[in-house]
Amino acid sequence: MLRDILLLYLVLGIAAESVHWQWRELICRSKDDKSTKDASDCEVLLKEDENDQNGRKVPLNTCFDETANGQPRRYCNILCPGAATAYRITRYPQNHKCRTADIQFTVRCEFSSARATFMTDSELFANARNALS
């Protein structure tokens, strides 16, 4: 019985270290001119958990514009390289005018590895700079 309990703790401990989550906050602020067609300026914050009040600002612009189906689109790299998946947790406000409005997204990135094996912020930013250039 004791052996079974210890084995269960071992399996749970290994499983807990084989997956980790990180959060990203994408904050976009519109320009003062409400009639502009220019996309809002956006920044990405790295967070250790959903309620992290000390998000680390990404020191580069990860967003770019493209035209898709004749419509201008803004895409932003949320810097989750190698993530198994990413989920949009929140969007505020719910206005469906993301490109030219003030809007904020919270995203959870799920990785199939322990947090200790994930790259440092400086490595992450260097990789992002290389990918964006």
N, C-alpha and C. Protein backbone atom coordinates (compact mmCIF):
# COMPACT_ATOMS: atom_id res chain seq x y z
N MET A 1 0.83 -1.19 0.00
CA MET A 1 0.00 0.00 0.00
C MET A 1 0.87 1.26 0.00
N LEU A 2 1.86 1.30 0.88
CA LEU A 2 2.76 2.45 0.95
C LEU A 2 3.52 2.59 -0.36
N ARG A 3 3.93 1.46 -0.92
CA ARG A 3 4.64 1.49 -2.20
C ARG A 3 3.77 2.09 -3.30
N ASP A 4 2.49 1.75 -3.32
CA ASP A 4 1.57 2.29 -4.32
C ASP A 4 1.40 3.80 -4.17
N ILE A 5 1.33 4.26 -2.94
CA ILE A 5 1.19 5.70 -2.69
C ILE A 5 2.44 6.44 -3.13
N LEU A 6 3.60 5.90 -2.82
CA LEU A 6 4.85 6.53 -3.25
C LEU A 6 4.97 6.55 -4.77
N LEU A 7 4.57 5.48 -5.41
CA LEU A 7 4.59 5.42 -6.88
C LEU A 7 3.64 6.47 -7.47
N LEU A 8 2.48 6.63 -6.88
CA LEU A 8 1.52 7.64 -7.34
C LEU A 8 2.12 9.04 -7.21
N TYR A 9 2.76 9.34 -6.08
CA TYR A 9 3.40 10.65 -5.90
C TYR A 9 4.51 10.86 -6.91
N LEU A 10 5.26 9.83 -7.21
CA LEU A 10 6.34 9.94 -8.20
C LEU A 10 5.77 10.26 -9.58
N VAL A 11 4.74 9.54 -9.97
CA VAL A 11 4.12 9.78 -11.28
C VAL A 11 3.54 11.19 -11.35
N LEU A 12 2.84 11.62 -10.31
CA LEU A 12 2.27 12.97 -10.29
C LEU A 12 3.36 14.03 -10.32
N GLY A 13 4.45 13.79 -9.62
CA GLY A 13 5.56 14.75 -9.62
C GLY A 13 6.19 14.88 -11.00
N ILE A 14 6.37 13.78 -11.69
CA ILE A 14 6.94 13.81 -13.05
C ILE A 14 5.97 14.51 -14.00
N ALA A 15 4.69 14.21 -13.89
CA ALA A 15 3.70 14.84 -14.76
C ALA A 15 3.62 16.34 -14.52
N ALA A 16 3.74 16.75 -13.27
CA ALA A 16 3.67 18.18 -12.95
C ALA A 16 4.84 18.95 -13.55
N GLU A 17 5.98 18.32 -13.68
CA GLU A 17 7.15 18.98 -14.24
C GLU A 17 7.26 18.85 -15.75
N SER A 18 6.39 18.06 -16.36
CA SER A 18 6.51 17.86 -17.80
C SER A 18 5.67 18.85 -18.60
N VAL A 19 4.88 19.67 -17.94
CA VAL A 19 4.06 20.68 -18.61
C VAL A 19 4.16 21.96 -17.79
N HIS A 20 4.24 23.09 -18.48
CA HIS A 20 4.15 24.36 -17.76
C HIS A 20 3.41 25.37 -18.61
N TRP A 21 2.89 26.38 -17.95
CA TRP A 21 2.14 27.43 -18.62
C TRP A 21 2.84 28.76 -18.41
N GLN A 22 2.71 29.61 -19.41
CA GLN A 22 3.15 31.00 -19.30
C GLN A 22 2.03 31.86 -19.86
N TRP A 23 1.97 33.09 -19.40
CA TRP A 23 0.91 33.99 -19.85
C TRP A 23 1.52 35.17 -20.59
N ARG A 24 0.75 35.68 -21.52
CA ARG A 24 1.13 36.87 -22.28
C ARG A 24 -0.03 37.86 -22.22
N GLU A 25 0.31 39.10 -22.09
CA GLU A 25 -0.68 40.18 -22.14
C GLU A 25 -0.36 40.99 -23.38
N LEU A 26 -1.29 41.09 -24.29
CA LEU A 26 -1.15 41.91 -25.49
C LEU A 26 -2.02 43.13 -25.28
N ILE A 27 -1.38 44.30 -25.21
CA ILE A 27 -2.09 45.54 -24.92
C ILE A 27 -1.93 46.47 -26.11
N CYS A 28 -3.05 46.84 -26.72
CA CYS A 28 -3.03 47.72 -27.89
C CYS A 28 -3.76 49.01 -27.54
N ARG A 29 -3.13 50.11 -27.91
CA ARG A 29 -3.71 51.43 -27.65
C ARG A 29 -3.87 52.17 -28.97
N SER A 30 -5.07 52.70 -29.17
CA SER A 30 -5.34 53.41 -30.43
C SER A 30 -4.65 54.77 -30.43
N LYS A 31 -4.47 55.27 -31.62
CA LYS A 31 -3.93 56.61 -31.76
C LYS A 31 -5.03 57.61 -31.40
N ASP A 32 -4.67 58.84 -31.09
CA ASP A 32 -5.65 59.84 -30.66
C ASP A 32 -6.71 60.12 -31.71
N ASP A 33 -6.34 60.06 -32.97
CA ASP A 33 -7.27 60.36 -34.07
C ASP A 33 -8.16 59.14 -34.31
N LYS A 34 -9.42 59.22 -33.90
CA LYS A 34 -10.35 58.09 -34.02
C LYS A 34 -10.72 57.77 -35.46
N SER A 35 -10.49 58.70 -36.39
CA SER A 35 -10.85 58.45 -37.79
C SER A 35 -9.71 57.79 -38.56
N THR A 36 -8.60 57.55 -37.89
CA THR A 36 -7.45 56.96 -38.57
C THR A 36 -7.71 55.51 -38.96
N LYS A 37 -7.09 55.09 -40.02
CA LYS A 37 -7.18 53.69 -40.45
C LYS A 37 -5.93 52.92 -40.02
N ASP A 38 -5.00 53.63 -39.35
CA ASP A 38 -3.77 52.98 -38.89
C ASP A 38 -4.07 52.06 -37.71
N ALA A 39 -3.33 50.98 -37.65
CA ALA A 39 -3.51 50.01 -36.57
C ALA A 39 -3.03 50.60 -35.25
N SER A 40 -3.64 50.15 -34.17
CA SER A 40 -3.22 50.55 -32.84
C SER A 40 -1.81 50.05 -32.56
N ASP A 41 -1.08 50.79 -31.73
CA ASP A 41 0.24 50.34 -31.30
C ASP A 41 0.05 49.31 -30.19
N CYS A 42 0.80 48.21 -30.28
CA CYS A 42 0.63 47.12 -29.32
C CYS A 42 1.95 46.80 -28.64
N GLU A 43 1.85 46.28 -27.42
CA GLU A 43 3.01 45.79 -26.70
C GLU A 43 2.66 44.45 -26.07
N VAL A 44 3.68 43.63 -25.86
CA VAL A 44 3.50 42.31 -25.26
C VAL A 44 4.19 42.31 -23.91
N LEU A 45 3.50 41.77 -22.90
CA LEU A 45 4.08 41.58 -21.58
C LEU A 45 4.17 40.08 -21.31
N LEU A 46 5.30 39.63 -20.76
CA LEU A 46 5.47 38.24 -20.34
C LEU A 46 5.07 38.14 -18.88
N LYS A 47 4.26 37.14 -18.56
CA LYS A 47 3.80 36.98 -17.18
C LYS A 47 4.00 35.54 -16.74
N GLU A 48 4.30 35.36 -15.47
CA GLU A 48 4.51 34.02 -14.93
C GLU A 48 3.19 33.32 -14.59
N ASP A 49 2.17 34.10 -14.28
CA ASP A 49 0.84 33.53 -14.07
C ASP A 49 -0.19 34.56 -14.49
N GLU A 50 -1.43 34.15 -14.53
CA GLU A 50 -2.48 35.01 -15.07
C GLU A 50 -2.62 36.32 -14.31
N ASN A 51 -2.37 36.29 -13.01
CA ASN A 51 -2.55 37.48 -12.17
C ASN A 51 -1.24 38.19 -11.85
N ASP A 52 -0.19 37.87 -12.55
CA ASP A 52 1.12 38.49 -12.33
C ASP A 52 1.02 40.00 -12.57
N GLN A 53 1.29 40.79 -11.55
CA GLN A 53 1.22 42.25 -11.66
C GLN A 53 2.54 42.86 -12.13
N ASN A 54 3.57 42.04 -12.28
CA ASN A 54 4.89 42.52 -12.68
C ASN A 54 5.30 41.95 -14.03
N GLY A 55 4.41 42.08 -15.00
CA GLY A 55 4.71 41.59 -16.34
C GLY A 55 5.96 42.25 -16.90
N ARG A 56 6.75 41.49 -17.65
CA ARG A 56 7.99 41.99 -18.23
C ARG A 56 7.73 42.42 -19.66
N LYS A 57 7.91 43.71 -19.94
CA LYS A 57 7.61 44.25 -21.27
C LYS A 57 8.64 43.74 -22.28
N VAL A 58 8.16 43.26 -23.41
CA VAL A 58 9.04 42.83 -24.50
C VAL A 58 9.64 44.09 -25.13
N PRO A 59 10.98 44.16 -25.23
CA PRO A 59 11.63 45.40 -25.68
C PRO A 59 11.68 45.58 -27.20
N LEU A 60 10.77 44.96 -27.93
CA LEU A 60 10.73 45.14 -29.37
C LEU A 60 9.29 45.02 -29.84
N ASN A 61 9.03 45.57 -31.00
CA ASN A 61 7.70 45.51 -31.60
C ASN A 61 7.56 44.18 -32.32
N THR A 62 6.65 43.34 -31.86
CA THR A 62 6.46 42.02 -32.46
C THR A 62 5.31 42.00 -33.45
N CYS A 63 4.73 43.15 -33.76
CA CYS A 63 3.55 43.22 -34.63
C CYS A 63 3.92 43.63 -36.05
N PHE A 64 3.11 43.18 -36.99
CA PHE A 64 3.30 43.55 -38.39
C PHE A 64 1.93 43.58 -39.06
N ASP A 65 1.84 44.30 -40.16
CA ASP A 65 0.59 44.43 -40.90
C ASP A 65 0.65 43.62 -42.19
N GLU A 66 -0.49 43.06 -42.56
CA GLU A 66 -0.65 42.31 -43.81
C GLU A 66 -2.05 42.55 -44.33
N THR A 67 -2.23 42.30 -45.61
CA THR A 67 -3.57 42.35 -46.19
C THR A 67 -4.03 40.92 -46.42
N ALA A 68 -5.22 40.61 -45.93
CA ALA A 68 -5.81 39.28 -46.11
C ALA A 68 -7.24 39.47 -46.59
N ASN A 69 -7.57 38.83 -47.70
CA ASN A 69 -8.90 38.96 -48.30
C ASN A 69 -9.27 40.42 -48.54
N GLY A 70 -8.27 41.21 -48.93
CA GLY A 70 -8.50 42.61 -49.24
C GLY A 70 -8.65 43.52 -48.03
N GLN A 71 -8.50 42.97 -46.82
CA GLN A 71 -8.64 43.75 -45.59
C GLN A 71 -7.29 43.86 -44.88
N PRO A 72 -6.96 45.05 -44.37
CA PRO A 72 -5.72 45.17 -43.60
C PRO A 72 -5.85 44.43 -42.28
N ARG A 73 -4.81 43.72 -41.90
CA ARG A 73 -4.78 42.96 -40.65
C ARG A 73 -3.49 43.27 -39.91
N ARG A 74 -3.55 43.24 -38.59
CA ARG A 74 -2.37 43.39 -37.74
C ARG A 74 -2.18 42.07 -37.01
N TYR A 75 -0.98 41.53 -37.10
CA TYR A 75 -0.62 40.30 -36.42
C TYR A 75 0.50 40.60 -35.44
N CYS A 76 0.44 39.98 -34.26
CA CYS A 76 1.47 40.18 -33.25
C CYS A 76 1.97 38.82 -32.77
N ASN A 77 3.28 38.66 -32.76
CA ASN A 77 3.90 37.45 -32.23
C ASN A 77 3.86 37.55 -30.71
N ILE A 78 3.21 36.60 -30.05
CA ILE A 78 3.10 36.65 -28.60
C ILE A 78 4.25 35.92 -27.91
N LEU A 79 5.22 35.49 -28.69
CA LEU A 79 6.46 34.90 -28.17
C LEU A 79 6.21 33.67 -27.31
N CYS A 80 5.62 32.67 -27.91
CA CYS A 80 5.42 31.37 -27.27
C CYS A 80 6.06 30.29 -28.15
N PRO A 81 7.36 30.41 -28.47
CA PRO A 81 7.97 29.44 -29.38
C PRO A 81 7.96 28.03 -28.79
N GLY A 82 7.54 27.09 -29.61
CA GLY A 82 7.52 25.70 -29.18
C GLY A 82 6.32 25.33 -28.32
N ALA A 83 5.37 26.25 -28.16
CA ALA A 83 4.19 25.95 -27.34
C ALA A 83 3.36 24.85 -28.00
N ALA A 84 2.84 23.95 -27.19
CA ALA A 84 1.95 22.92 -27.70
C ALA A 84 0.63 23.56 -28.13
N THR A 85 0.21 24.58 -27.42
CA THR A 85 -1.01 25.31 -27.76
C THR A 85 -1.02 26.65 -27.04
N ALA A 86 -1.88 27.54 -27.48
CA ALA A 86 -2.08 28.83 -26.82
C ALA A 86 -3.57 29.12 -26.81
N TYR A 87 -4.05 29.64 -25.69
CA TYR A 87 -5.48 29.92 -25.53
C TYR A 87 -5.68 31.40 -25.24
N ARG A 88 -6.67 32.01 -25.88
CA ARG A 88 -7.06 33.37 -25.50
C ARG A 88 -7.94 33.22 -24.27
N ILE A 89 -7.48 33.78 -23.17
CA ILE A 89 -8.21 33.67 -21.91
C ILE A 89 -9.22 34.81 -21.79
N THR A 90 -8.77 36.04 -22.03
CA THR A 90 -9.68 37.18 -21.95
C THR A 90 -9.43 38.14 -23.11
N ARG A 91 -10.45 38.91 -23.41
CA ARG A 91 -10.35 40.02 -24.35
C ARG A 91 -11.19 41.14 -23.78
N TYR A 92 -10.58 42.32 -23.61
CA TYR A 92 -11.31 43.44 -23.05
C TYR A 92 -10.97 44.70 -23.82
N PRO A 93 -11.95 45.45 -24.26
CA PRO A 93 -13.38 45.15 -24.24
C PRO A 93 -13.76 44.22 -25.38
N GLN A 94 -14.96 43.72 -25.35
CA GLN A 94 -15.49 42.82 -26.38
C GLN A 94 -16.08 43.66 -27.51
N ASN A 95 -15.25 44.36 -28.27
CA ASN A 95 -15.80 45.31 -29.23
C ASN A 95 -15.64 44.93 -30.70
N HIS A 96 -14.92 43.88 -31.01
CA HIS A 96 -14.72 43.41 -32.39
C HIS A 96 -14.10 44.47 -33.30
N LYS A 97 -13.38 45.40 -32.72
CA LYS A 97 -12.66 46.42 -33.49
C LYS A 97 -11.21 46.40 -33.04
N CYS A 98 -10.62 45.26 -33.08
CA CYS A 98 -9.29 45.06 -32.52
C CYS A 98 -8.22 45.91 -33.19
N ARG A 99 -8.29 46.07 -34.47
CA ARG A 99 -7.18 46.68 -35.21
C ARG A 99 -6.96 48.15 -34.88
N THR A 100 -8.02 48.91 -34.67
CA THR A 100 -7.89 50.36 -34.48
C THR A 100 -8.40 50.84 -33.13
N ALA A 101 -8.57 49.95 -32.17
CA ALA A 101 -9.15 50.32 -30.88
C ALA A 101 -8.22 49.97 -29.73
N ASP A 102 -8.54 50.52 -28.55
CA ASP A 102 -7.87 50.09 -27.33
C ASP A 102 -8.42 48.71 -26.99
N ILE A 103 -7.52 47.76 -26.84
CA ILE A 103 -7.96 46.40 -26.53
C ILE A 103 -6.84 45.67 -25.82
N GLN A 104 -7.20 44.69 -25.00
CA GLN A 104 -6.23 43.93 -24.24
C GLN A 104 -6.62 42.46 -24.27
N PHE A 105 -5.63 41.61 -24.55
CA PHE A 105 -5.83 40.17 -24.59
C PHE A 105 -4.93 39.51 -23.54
N THR A 106 -5.45 38.51 -22.86
CA THR A 106 -4.64 37.65 -22.01
C THR A 106 -4.60 36.29 -22.69
N VAL A 107 -3.39 35.77 -22.89
CA VAL A 107 -3.19 34.50 -23.59
C VAL A 107 -2.38 33.57 -22.69
N ARG A 108 -2.80 32.31 -22.62
CA ARG A 108 -2.02 31.31 -21.89
C ARG A 108 -1.36 30.39 -22.89
N CYS A 109 -0.05 30.24 -22.77
CA CYS A 109 0.72 29.35 -23.63
C CYS A 109 1.04 28.09 -22.83
N GLU A 110 0.80 26.94 -23.43
CA GLU A 110 1.06 25.66 -22.77
C GLU A 110 2.24 24.99 -23.44
N PHE A 111 3.23 24.65 -22.62
CA PHE A 111 4.45 24.01 -23.11
C PHE A 111 4.54 22.59 -22.58
N SER A 112 5.03 21.68 -23.40
CA SER A 112 5.17 20.27 -23.01
C SER A 112 6.55 20.02 -22.43
N SER A 113 6.99 20.91 -21.57
CA SER A 113 8.30 20.78 -20.93
C SER A 113 8.25 21.53 -19.60
N ALA A 114 9.24 21.27 -18.78
CA ALA A 114 9.33 21.96 -17.50
C ALA A 114 9.73 23.42 -17.72
N ARG A 115 9.32 24.29 -16.82
CA ARG A 115 9.64 25.72 -16.92
C ARG A 115 11.15 25.94 -16.93
N ALA A 116 11.88 25.14 -16.18
CA ALA A 116 13.33 25.31 -16.07
C ALA A 116 14.04 25.12 -17.41
N THR A 117 13.42 24.41 -18.35
CA THR A 117 14.07 24.17 -19.65
C THR A 117 13.75 25.25 -20.67
N PHE A 118 12.84 26.18 -20.33
CA PHE A 118 12.46 27.23 -21.28
C PHE A 118 13.56 28.28 -21.32
N MET A 119 13.73 28.89 -22.50
CA MET A 119 14.79 29.88 -22.66
C MET A 119 14.59 31.10 -21.77
N THR A 120 15.69 31.80 -21.51
CA THR A 120 15.64 33.03 -20.72
C THR A 120 14.99 34.14 -21.54
N ASP A 121 14.63 35.22 -20.88
CA ASP A 121 14.04 36.36 -21.60
C ASP A 121 14.99 36.87 -22.68
N SER A 122 16.27 37.00 -22.36
CA SER A 122 17.21 37.53 -23.35
C SER A 122 17.34 36.60 -24.56
N GLU A 123 17.32 35.29 -24.34
CA GLU A 123 17.34 34.34 -25.47
C GLU A 123 16.05 34.45 -26.28
N LEU A 124 14.93 34.57 -25.60
CA LEU A 124 13.63 34.71 -26.27
C LEU A 124 13.60 35.96 -27.14
N PHE A 125 14.08 37.09 -26.60
CA PHE A 125 14.07 38.34 -27.36
C PHE A 125 15.04 38.28 -28.54
N ALA A 126 16.20 37.65 -28.36
CA ALA A 126 17.15 37.51 -29.46
C ALA A 126 16.55 36.66 -30.59
N ASN A 127 15.89 35.57 -30.24
CA ASN A 127 15.24 34.74 -31.25
C ASN A 127 14.14 35.51 -31.97
N ALA A 128 13.39 36.31 -31.23
CA ALA A 128 12.32 37.11 -31.84
C ALA A 128 12.89 38.15 -32.79
N ARG A 129 13.98 38.79 -32.39
CA ARG A 129 14.63 39.78 -33.28
C ARG A 129 15.06 39.12 -34.59
N ASN A 130 15.65 37.94 -34.49
CA ASN A 130 16.09 37.22 -35.69
C ASN A 130 14.90 36.83 -36.57
N ALA A 131 13.82 36.40 -35.96
CA ALA A 131 12.64 35.98 -36.73
C ALA A 131 11.96 37.16 -37.40
N LEU A 132 11.99 38.33 -36.77
CA LEU A 132 11.31 39.50 -37.31
C LEU A 132 12.15 40.25 -38.33
N SER A 133 13.44 39.96 -38.40
CA SER A 133 14.29 40.70 -39.35
C SER A 133 14.38 40.00 -40.69
